[in-house]
């Protein structure tokens, strides 16, 4: 089995091809085509056809929202698991003065810190707390990247 490419700030973002390049475009096209259908029938004075075309727009939008929400819910659960894992990890790695400040870290900050190596965690956590670093700033500050290949 081929080794995984080392993960870095530049390449850690991931796409799910079946979702990002098939499902989303198909549902997006569905919304576009229902809008075209609606405006093509708008000039007719037939209430039933206009109503039908409008209902197709609502259905297409509802499906697009449903697909997006179905995708976002597991990502939110992953963030919650990461938050729990990182709090546990920080409890083991941080000296006492910083350990008592773990609850001050936001979910975004904890998600950014997951990529930091064990050796750089104490200084990076202290800096994060003092400077209120964002997830993006934390990830840019990491010197020794700790990969997370499980995130989708």
N, C-alpha and C. Protein backbone atom coordinates (compact mmCIF):
# COMPACT_ATOMS: atom_id res chain seq x y z
N UNK A 1 0.84 -1.19 0.00
CA UNK A 1 0.00 0.00 0.00
C UNK A 1 0.88 1.24 0.00
N UNK A 2 0.55 2.20 -0.82
CA UNK A 2 1.35 3.42 -0.92
C UNK A 2 1.20 4.25 0.35
N UNK A 3 2.30 4.92 0.73
CA UNK A 3 2.26 5.79 1.90
C UNK A 3 1.46 7.05 1.58
N UNK A 4 0.84 7.59 2.62
CA UNK A 4 0.09 8.82 2.45
C UNK A 4 1.06 9.98 2.32
N UNK A 5 0.66 10.95 1.51
CA UNK A 5 1.45 12.17 1.35
C UNK A 5 1.45 12.91 2.69
N UNK A 6 2.61 13.39 3.14
CA UNK A 6 2.64 14.13 4.41
C UNK A 6 1.69 15.32 4.35
N UNK A 7 0.95 15.49 5.43
CA UNK A 7 -0.05 16.55 5.49
C UNK A 7 0.59 17.84 5.97
N UNK A 8 0.19 18.95 5.35
CA UNK A 8 0.68 20.27 5.73
C UNK A 8 -0.48 21.26 5.71
N UNK A 9 -0.20 22.48 6.08
CA UNK A 9 -1.22 23.53 6.02
C UNK A 9 -1.73 23.68 4.59
N UNK A 10 -0.84 23.55 3.63
CA UNK A 10 -1.20 23.76 2.22
C UNK A 10 -2.10 22.66 1.65
N UNK A 11 -2.01 21.45 2.19
CA UNK A 11 -2.76 20.34 1.57
C UNK A 11 -3.70 19.61 2.53
N UNK A 12 -3.99 20.17 3.69
CA UNK A 12 -4.81 19.43 4.66
C UNK A 12 -6.31 19.48 4.37
N UNK A 13 -6.76 20.43 3.57
CA UNK A 13 -8.17 20.49 3.22
C UNK A 13 -8.52 19.33 2.31
N UNK A 14 -9.72 18.79 2.48
CA UNK A 14 -10.09 17.61 1.70
C UNK A 14 -11.43 17.81 1.03
N UNK A 15 -11.55 17.24 -0.15
CA UNK A 15 -12.80 17.22 -0.88
C UNK A 15 -13.29 15.78 -0.98
N UNK A 16 -14.59 15.61 -0.99
CA UNK A 16 -15.21 14.31 -1.20
C UNK A 16 -15.77 14.33 -2.62
N UNK A 17 -15.04 13.79 -3.60
CA UNK A 17 -15.45 13.92 -5.00
C UNK A 17 -16.90 13.54 -5.29
N UNK A 18 -17.43 12.42 -4.79
CA UNK A 18 -18.83 12.12 -5.11
C UNK A 18 -19.79 13.23 -4.62
N UNK A 19 -19.48 13.83 -3.49
CA UNK A 19 -20.35 14.89 -2.97
C UNK A 19 -20.10 16.22 -3.66
N UNK A 20 -18.82 16.65 -3.67
CA UNK A 20 -18.49 17.98 -4.18
C UNK A 20 -18.57 18.09 -5.71
N UNK A 21 -18.32 17.00 -6.42
CA UNK A 21 -18.27 17.08 -7.88
C UNK A 21 -19.43 16.37 -8.58
N UNK A 22 -20.32 15.72 -7.81
CA UNK A 22 -21.49 15.09 -8.42
C UNK A 22 -22.78 15.56 -7.76
N UNK A 23 -22.96 15.26 -6.49
CA UNK A 23 -24.22 15.55 -5.81
C UNK A 23 -24.52 17.05 -5.80
N UNK A 24 -23.59 17.88 -5.31
CA UNK A 24 -23.85 19.32 -5.25
C UNK A 24 -24.10 19.93 -6.63
N UNK A 25 -23.28 19.63 -7.64
CA UNK A 25 -23.58 20.21 -8.96
C UNK A 25 -24.94 19.78 -9.52
N UNK A 26 -25.32 18.53 -9.32
CA UNK A 26 -26.61 18.05 -9.84
C UNK A 26 -27.75 18.81 -9.16
N UNK A 27 -27.69 18.96 -7.84
CA UNK A 27 -28.75 19.69 -7.15
C UNK A 27 -28.71 21.18 -7.49
N UNK A 28 -27.52 21.73 -7.69
CA UNK A 28 -27.41 23.13 -8.12
C UNK A 28 -28.02 23.33 -9.49
N UNK A 29 -27.75 22.41 -10.42
CA UNK A 29 -28.36 22.48 -11.75
C UNK A 29 -29.88 22.34 -11.66
N UNK A 30 -30.33 21.50 -10.74
CA UNK A 30 -31.78 21.35 -10.55
C UNK A 30 -32.43 22.67 -10.19
N UNK A 31 -31.80 23.43 -9.30
CA UNK A 31 -32.33 24.75 -8.92
C UNK A 31 -32.33 25.68 -10.14
N UNK A 32 -31.23 25.69 -10.87
CA UNK A 32 -31.13 26.56 -12.05
C UNK A 32 -32.20 26.21 -13.08
N UNK A 33 -32.37 24.90 -13.38
CA UNK A 33 -33.35 24.50 -14.38
C UNK A 33 -34.78 24.78 -13.93
N UNK A 34 -35.06 24.66 -12.64
CA UNK A 34 -36.42 24.98 -12.19
C UNK A 34 -36.68 26.48 -12.30
N UNK A 35 -35.66 27.30 -12.07
CA UNK A 35 -35.82 28.75 -12.26
C UNK A 35 -36.08 29.09 -13.73
N UNK A 36 -35.33 28.44 -14.62
CA UNK A 36 -35.54 28.65 -16.06
C UNK A 36 -36.96 28.23 -16.44
N UNK A 37 -37.37 27.08 -15.94
CA UNK A 37 -38.72 26.58 -16.22
C UNK A 37 -39.78 27.57 -15.71
N UNK A 38 -39.58 28.10 -14.52
CA UNK A 38 -40.53 29.05 -13.93
C UNK A 38 -40.65 30.30 -14.80
N UNK A 39 -39.51 30.90 -15.15
CA UNK A 39 -39.56 32.14 -15.92
C UNK A 39 -40.03 31.92 -17.35
N UNK A 40 -39.83 30.72 -17.88
CA UNK A 40 -40.34 30.41 -19.22
C UNK A 40 -41.86 30.33 -19.21
N UNK A 41 -42.43 29.88 -18.10
CA UNK A 41 -43.88 29.74 -18.00
C UNK A 41 -44.56 30.96 -17.37
N UNK A 42 -43.79 31.91 -16.92
CA UNK A 42 -44.34 33.07 -16.23
C UNK A 42 -45.18 33.94 -17.15
N UNK A 43 -44.82 33.98 -18.41
CA UNK A 43 -45.56 34.83 -19.35
C UNK A 43 -46.96 34.28 -19.64
N UNK A 44 -47.14 32.99 -19.41
CA UNK A 44 -48.47 32.40 -19.60
C UNK A 44 -49.35 32.84 -18.44
N UNK A 45 -50.60 32.98 -18.70
CA UNK A 45 -51.51 33.39 -17.65
C UNK A 45 -52.19 32.19 -16.99
N UNK A 46 -51.59 31.03 -17.13
CA UNK A 46 -52.16 29.82 -16.55
C UNK A 46 -51.66 29.68 -15.11
N UNK A 47 -52.55 29.90 -14.16
CA UNK A 47 -52.17 29.85 -12.74
C UNK A 47 -51.60 28.49 -12.36
N UNK A 48 -52.21 27.41 -12.88
CA UNK A 48 -51.76 26.07 -12.51
C UNK A 48 -50.33 25.82 -12.97
N UNK A 49 -49.99 26.25 -14.17
CA UNK A 49 -48.61 26.05 -14.66
C UNK A 49 -47.62 26.88 -13.86
N UNK A 50 -47.98 28.14 -13.57
CA UNK A 50 -47.09 28.99 -12.77
C UNK A 50 -46.91 28.42 -11.37
N UNK A 51 -48.01 27.96 -10.78
CA UNK A 51 -47.95 27.37 -9.44
C UNK A 51 -47.07 26.12 -9.46
N UNK A 52 -47.25 25.28 -10.46
CA UNK A 52 -46.45 24.06 -10.60
C UNK A 52 -44.96 24.41 -10.73
N UNK A 53 -44.64 25.38 -11.55
CA UNK A 53 -43.24 25.78 -11.74
C UNK A 53 -42.67 26.35 -10.43
N UNK A 54 -43.47 27.12 -9.71
CA UNK A 54 -43.02 27.67 -8.43
C UNK A 54 -42.78 26.56 -7.41
N UNK A 55 -43.65 25.58 -7.39
CA UNK A 55 -43.48 24.45 -6.46
C UNK A 55 -42.22 23.64 -6.80
N UNK A 56 -41.90 23.54 -8.07
CA UNK A 56 -40.66 22.85 -8.46
C UNK A 56 -39.43 23.60 -7.93
N UNK A 57 -39.48 24.93 -7.95
CA UNK A 57 -38.38 25.73 -7.38
C UNK A 57 -38.25 25.44 -5.89
N UNK A 58 -39.38 25.46 -5.18
CA UNK A 58 -39.34 25.18 -3.74
C UNK A 58 -38.80 23.78 -3.46
N UNK A 59 -39.23 22.80 -4.26
CA UNK A 59 -38.74 21.43 -4.08
C UNK A 59 -37.24 21.35 -4.34
N UNK A 60 -36.76 21.97 -5.41
CA UNK A 60 -35.33 21.94 -5.73
C UNK A 60 -34.52 22.62 -4.63
N UNK A 61 -35.00 23.76 -4.14
CA UNK A 61 -34.30 24.45 -3.05
C UNK A 61 -34.31 23.62 -1.77
N UNK A 62 -35.45 23.00 -1.46
CA UNK A 62 -35.53 22.16 -0.26
C UNK A 62 -34.56 20.99 -0.35
N UNK A 63 -34.45 20.39 -1.52
CA UNK A 63 -33.51 19.27 -1.69
C UNK A 63 -32.07 19.74 -1.55
N UNK A 64 -31.76 20.89 -2.12
CA UNK A 64 -30.40 21.43 -2.00
C UNK A 64 -30.06 21.73 -0.54
N UNK A 65 -30.99 22.33 0.19
CA UNK A 65 -30.77 22.61 1.61
C UNK A 65 -30.63 21.30 2.39
N UNK A 66 -31.48 20.32 2.10
CA UNK A 66 -31.42 19.03 2.80
C UNK A 66 -30.07 18.35 2.59
N UNK A 67 -29.61 18.33 1.35
CA UNK A 67 -28.32 17.70 1.05
C UNK A 67 -27.19 18.42 1.77
N UNK A 68 -27.25 19.74 1.80
CA UNK A 68 -26.21 20.52 2.50
C UNK A 68 -26.23 20.24 4.00
N UNK A 69 -27.43 20.22 4.58
CA UNK A 69 -27.54 19.97 6.01
C UNK A 69 -27.10 18.54 6.36
N UNK A 70 -27.46 17.60 5.51
CA UNK A 70 -27.06 16.21 5.74
C UNK A 70 -25.54 16.11 5.74
N UNK A 71 -24.88 16.91 4.95
CA UNK A 71 -23.41 16.93 4.91
C UNK A 71 -22.83 17.65 6.12
N UNK A 72 -23.47 18.73 6.55
CA UNK A 72 -22.92 19.55 7.64
C UNK A 72 -23.08 18.90 9.02
N UNK A 73 -24.14 18.14 9.24
CA UNK A 73 -24.34 17.53 10.55
C UNK A 73 -23.18 16.62 10.96
N UNK A 74 -22.72 15.70 10.11
CA UNK A 74 -21.58 14.87 10.52
C UNK A 74 -20.31 15.69 10.73
N UNK A 75 -20.12 16.77 9.97
CA UNK A 75 -18.94 17.61 10.19
C UNK A 75 -19.00 18.26 11.56
N UNK A 76 -20.18 18.66 11.99
CA UNK A 76 -20.34 19.25 13.32
C UNK A 76 -20.04 18.22 14.40
N UNK A 77 -20.48 16.99 14.18
CA UNK A 77 -20.18 15.91 15.13
C UNK A 77 -18.67 15.67 15.18
N UNK A 78 -18.01 15.70 14.02
CA UNK A 78 -16.55 15.54 14.01
C UNK A 78 -15.89 16.65 14.81
N UNK A 79 -16.37 17.88 14.67
CA UNK A 79 -15.80 18.98 15.44
C UNK A 79 -15.98 18.75 16.94
N UNK A 80 -17.12 18.22 17.33
CA UNK A 80 -17.36 17.96 18.75
C UNK A 80 -16.42 16.86 19.26
N UNK A 81 -16.20 15.83 18.45
CA UNK A 81 -15.28 14.76 18.84
C UNK A 81 -13.85 15.30 18.93
N UNK A 82 -13.48 16.14 17.96
CA UNK A 82 -12.14 16.75 17.98
C UNK A 82 -11.99 17.59 19.24
N UNK A 83 -13.02 18.35 19.59
CA UNK A 83 -12.98 19.18 20.80
C UNK A 83 -12.73 18.31 22.02
N UNK A 84 -13.42 17.19 22.11
CA UNK A 84 -13.25 16.28 23.24
C UNK A 84 -11.84 15.67 23.25
N UNK A 85 -11.40 15.20 22.09
CA UNK A 85 -10.05 14.61 21.98
C UNK A 85 -8.97 15.61 22.36
N UNK A 86 -9.11 16.83 21.86
CA UNK A 86 -8.08 17.84 22.14
C UNK A 86 -8.08 18.26 23.60
N UNK A 87 -9.24 18.37 24.21
CA UNK A 87 -9.27 18.69 25.64
C UNK A 87 -8.59 17.61 26.45
N UNK A 88 -8.83 16.36 26.09
CA UNK A 88 -8.16 15.24 26.77
C UNK A 88 -6.66 15.28 26.54
N UNK A 89 -6.26 15.53 25.31
CA UNK A 89 -4.84 15.61 24.95
C UNK A 89 -4.17 16.77 25.69
N UNK A 90 -4.81 17.92 25.73
CA UNK A 90 -4.24 19.08 26.41
C UNK A 90 -4.12 18.84 27.92
N UNK A 91 -5.07 18.12 28.48
CA UNK A 91 -5.00 17.79 29.91
C UNK A 91 -3.73 17.00 30.22
N UNK A 92 -3.32 16.16 29.29
CA UNK A 92 -2.12 15.34 29.48
C UNK A 92 -0.83 16.10 29.18
N UNK A 93 -0.89 17.07 28.26
CA UNK A 93 0.34 17.70 27.78
C UNK A 93 0.67 19.05 28.43
N UNK A 94 -0.32 19.76 28.94
CA UNK A 94 -0.09 21.11 29.43
C UNK A 94 0.32 21.13 30.90
N UNK A 95 1.19 22.09 31.26
CA UNK A 95 1.50 22.28 32.68
C UNK A 95 0.27 22.87 33.39
N UNK A 96 0.22 22.76 34.70
CA UNK A 96 -0.97 23.15 35.46
C UNK A 96 -1.48 24.56 35.18
N UNK A 97 -0.67 25.59 35.14
CA UNK A 97 -1.25 26.92 34.90
C UNK A 97 -2.06 26.99 33.60
N UNK A 98 -1.60 26.30 32.56
CA UNK A 98 -2.33 26.31 31.28
C UNK A 98 -3.49 25.32 31.29
N UNK A 99 -3.32 24.22 32.02
CA UNK A 99 -4.37 23.19 32.06
C UNK A 99 -5.69 23.78 32.59
N UNK A 100 -5.59 24.67 33.55
CA UNK A 100 -6.80 25.25 34.12
C UNK A 100 -7.48 26.24 33.15
N UNK A 101 -6.78 26.62 32.09
CA UNK A 101 -7.34 27.56 31.10
C UNK A 101 -7.91 26.86 29.86
N UNK A 102 -7.88 25.53 29.83
CA UNK A 102 -8.41 24.79 28.68
C UNK A 102 -9.85 25.18 28.36
N UNK A 103 -10.73 25.38 29.34
CA UNK A 103 -12.11 25.76 29.01
C UNK A 103 -12.24 27.10 28.27
N UNK A 104 -11.20 27.92 28.30
CA UNK A 104 -11.24 29.21 27.59
C UNK A 104 -11.08 29.05 26.08
N UNK A 105 -10.57 27.90 25.65
CA UNK A 105 -10.36 27.66 24.22
C UNK A 105 -11.69 27.39 23.52
N UNK A 106 -11.88 28.00 22.37
CA UNK A 106 -13.11 27.81 21.60
C UNK A 106 -13.02 26.51 20.80
N UNK A 107 -14.16 26.09 20.27
CA UNK A 107 -14.18 24.89 19.42
C UNK A 107 -13.27 25.09 18.21
N UNK A 108 -13.32 26.26 17.60
CA UNK A 108 -12.46 26.56 16.44
C UNK A 108 -10.98 26.47 16.81
N UNK A 109 -10.62 27.01 17.95
CA UNK A 109 -9.22 26.98 18.38
C UNK A 109 -8.78 25.54 18.64
N UNK A 110 -9.63 24.75 19.29
CA UNK A 110 -9.28 23.35 19.54
C UNK A 110 -9.12 22.58 18.23
N UNK A 111 -9.97 22.88 17.25
CA UNK A 111 -9.87 22.20 15.96
C UNK A 111 -8.57 22.59 15.24
N UNK A 112 -8.13 23.82 15.42
CA UNK A 112 -6.86 24.24 14.83
C UNK A 112 -5.66 23.63 15.55
N UNK A 113 -5.75 23.52 16.86
CA UNK A 113 -4.65 22.97 17.66
C UNK A 113 -4.41 21.48 17.42
N UNK A 114 -5.39 20.78 16.88
CA UNK A 114 -5.22 19.33 16.71
C UNK A 114 -4.07 18.98 15.78
N UNK A 115 -3.66 19.93 14.94
CA UNK A 115 -2.57 19.67 14.00
C UNK A 115 -1.18 19.93 14.60
N UNK A 116 -1.12 20.52 15.78
CA UNK A 116 0.17 20.85 16.39
C UNK A 116 0.77 19.61 17.05
N UNK A 117 2.08 19.48 16.93
CA UNK A 117 2.77 18.36 17.57
C UNK A 117 2.71 18.50 19.08
N UNK A 118 2.90 17.41 19.78
CA UNK A 118 2.87 17.43 21.25
C UNK A 118 3.90 18.39 21.82
N UNK A 119 5.08 18.47 21.18
CA UNK A 119 6.15 19.32 21.70
C UNK A 119 5.82 20.81 21.63
N UNK A 120 5.08 21.22 20.61
CA UNK A 120 4.80 22.65 20.47
C UNK A 120 3.45 23.08 21.06
N UNK A 121 2.70 22.14 21.54
CA UNK A 121 1.37 22.46 22.09
C UNK A 121 1.41 23.47 23.24
N UNK A 122 2.24 23.30 24.27
CA UNK A 122 2.17 24.26 25.39
C UNK A 122 2.36 25.72 24.97
N UNK A 123 3.38 26.00 24.18
CA UNK A 123 3.62 27.38 23.76
C UNK A 123 2.52 27.90 22.83
N UNK A 124 2.04 27.03 21.96
CA UNK A 124 0.99 27.45 21.02
C UNK A 124 -0.34 27.69 21.75
N UNK A 125 -0.65 26.88 22.74
CA UNK A 125 -1.87 27.10 23.52
C UNK A 125 -1.76 28.42 24.29
N UNK A 126 -0.62 28.66 24.90
CA UNK A 126 -0.43 29.91 25.63
C UNK A 126 -0.59 31.11 24.70
N UNK A 127 0.03 31.03 23.54
CA UNK A 127 -0.08 32.12 22.56
C UNK A 127 -1.53 32.28 22.08
N UNK A 128 -2.19 31.16 21.83
CA UNK A 128 -3.59 31.19 21.39
C UNK A 128 -4.47 31.88 22.42
N UNK A 129 -4.28 31.56 23.68
CA UNK A 129 -5.09 32.16 24.74
C UNK A 129 -4.78 33.65 24.90
N UNK A 130 -3.52 34.00 24.85
CA UNK A 130 -3.13 35.39 25.07
C UNK A 130 -3.48 36.30 23.89
N UNK A 131 -3.32 35.77 22.68
CA UNK A 131 -3.55 36.59 21.48
C UNK A 131 -4.90 36.32 20.81
N UNK A 132 -5.68 35.41 21.38
CA UNK A 132 -7.00 35.07 20.82
C UNK A 132 -6.89 34.69 19.34
N UNK A 133 -5.97 33.77 19.04
CA UNK A 133 -5.73 33.35 17.66
C UNK A 133 -6.95 32.62 17.09
N UNK A 134 -7.17 32.79 15.79
CA UNK A 134 -8.23 32.07 15.09
C UNK A 134 -7.71 30.69 14.66
N UNK A 135 -8.62 29.86 14.19
CA UNK A 135 -8.23 28.53 13.70
C UNK A 135 -7.17 28.66 12.61
N UNK A 136 -7.40 29.57 11.69
CA UNK A 136 -6.48 29.77 10.56
C UNK A 136 -5.11 30.25 11.06
N UNK A 137 -5.09 31.18 12.00
CA UNK A 137 -3.83 31.69 12.54
C UNK A 137 -3.07 30.59 13.29
N UNK A 138 -3.80 29.76 14.02
CA UNK A 138 -3.18 28.65 14.75
C UNK A 138 -2.51 27.70 13.76
N UNK A 139 -3.25 27.31 12.72
CA UNK A 139 -2.70 26.37 11.74
C UNK A 139 -1.48 26.96 11.03
N UNK A 140 -1.49 28.25 10.76
CA UNK A 140 -0.34 28.89 10.11
C UNK A 140 0.86 28.96 11.03
N UNK A 141 0.64 28.90 12.34
CA UNK A 141 1.74 28.99 13.31
C UNK A 141 2.39 27.65 13.60
N UNK A 142 1.80 26.58 13.19
CA UNK A 142 2.32 25.24 13.52
C UNK A 142 3.60 24.96 12.75
N UNK A 143 4.61 24.52 13.48
CA UNK A 143 5.91 24.20 12.88
C UNK A 143 5.99 22.72 12.50
N UNK A 144 5.56 21.85 13.38
CA UNK A 144 5.60 20.40 13.14
C UNK A 144 4.17 19.88 13.03
N UNK A 145 3.74 19.67 11.80
CA UNK A 145 2.36 19.31 11.51
C UNK A 145 2.05 17.89 11.97
N UNK A 146 0.97 17.73 12.70
CA UNK A 146 0.46 16.44 13.15
C UNK A 146 -0.75 16.13 12.28
N UNK A 147 -0.63 15.18 11.35
CA UNK A 147 -1.70 14.97 10.37
C UNK A 147 -2.99 14.43 10.97
N UNK A 148 -4.08 14.76 10.31
CA UNK A 148 -5.40 14.21 10.63
C UNK A 148 -5.98 13.71 9.32
N UNK A 149 -5.77 12.42 9.04
CA UNK A 149 -6.22 11.85 7.78
C UNK A 149 -7.68 11.37 7.84
N UNK A 150 -8.29 11.42 9.00
CA UNK A 150 -9.65 10.89 9.15
C UNK A 150 -10.71 11.92 8.82
N UNK A 151 -10.38 13.18 8.87
CA UNK A 151 -11.37 14.23 8.61
C UNK A 151 -11.76 14.24 7.14
N UNK A 152 -13.05 14.36 6.87
CA UNK A 152 -13.53 14.45 5.49
C UNK A 152 -14.05 15.84 5.25
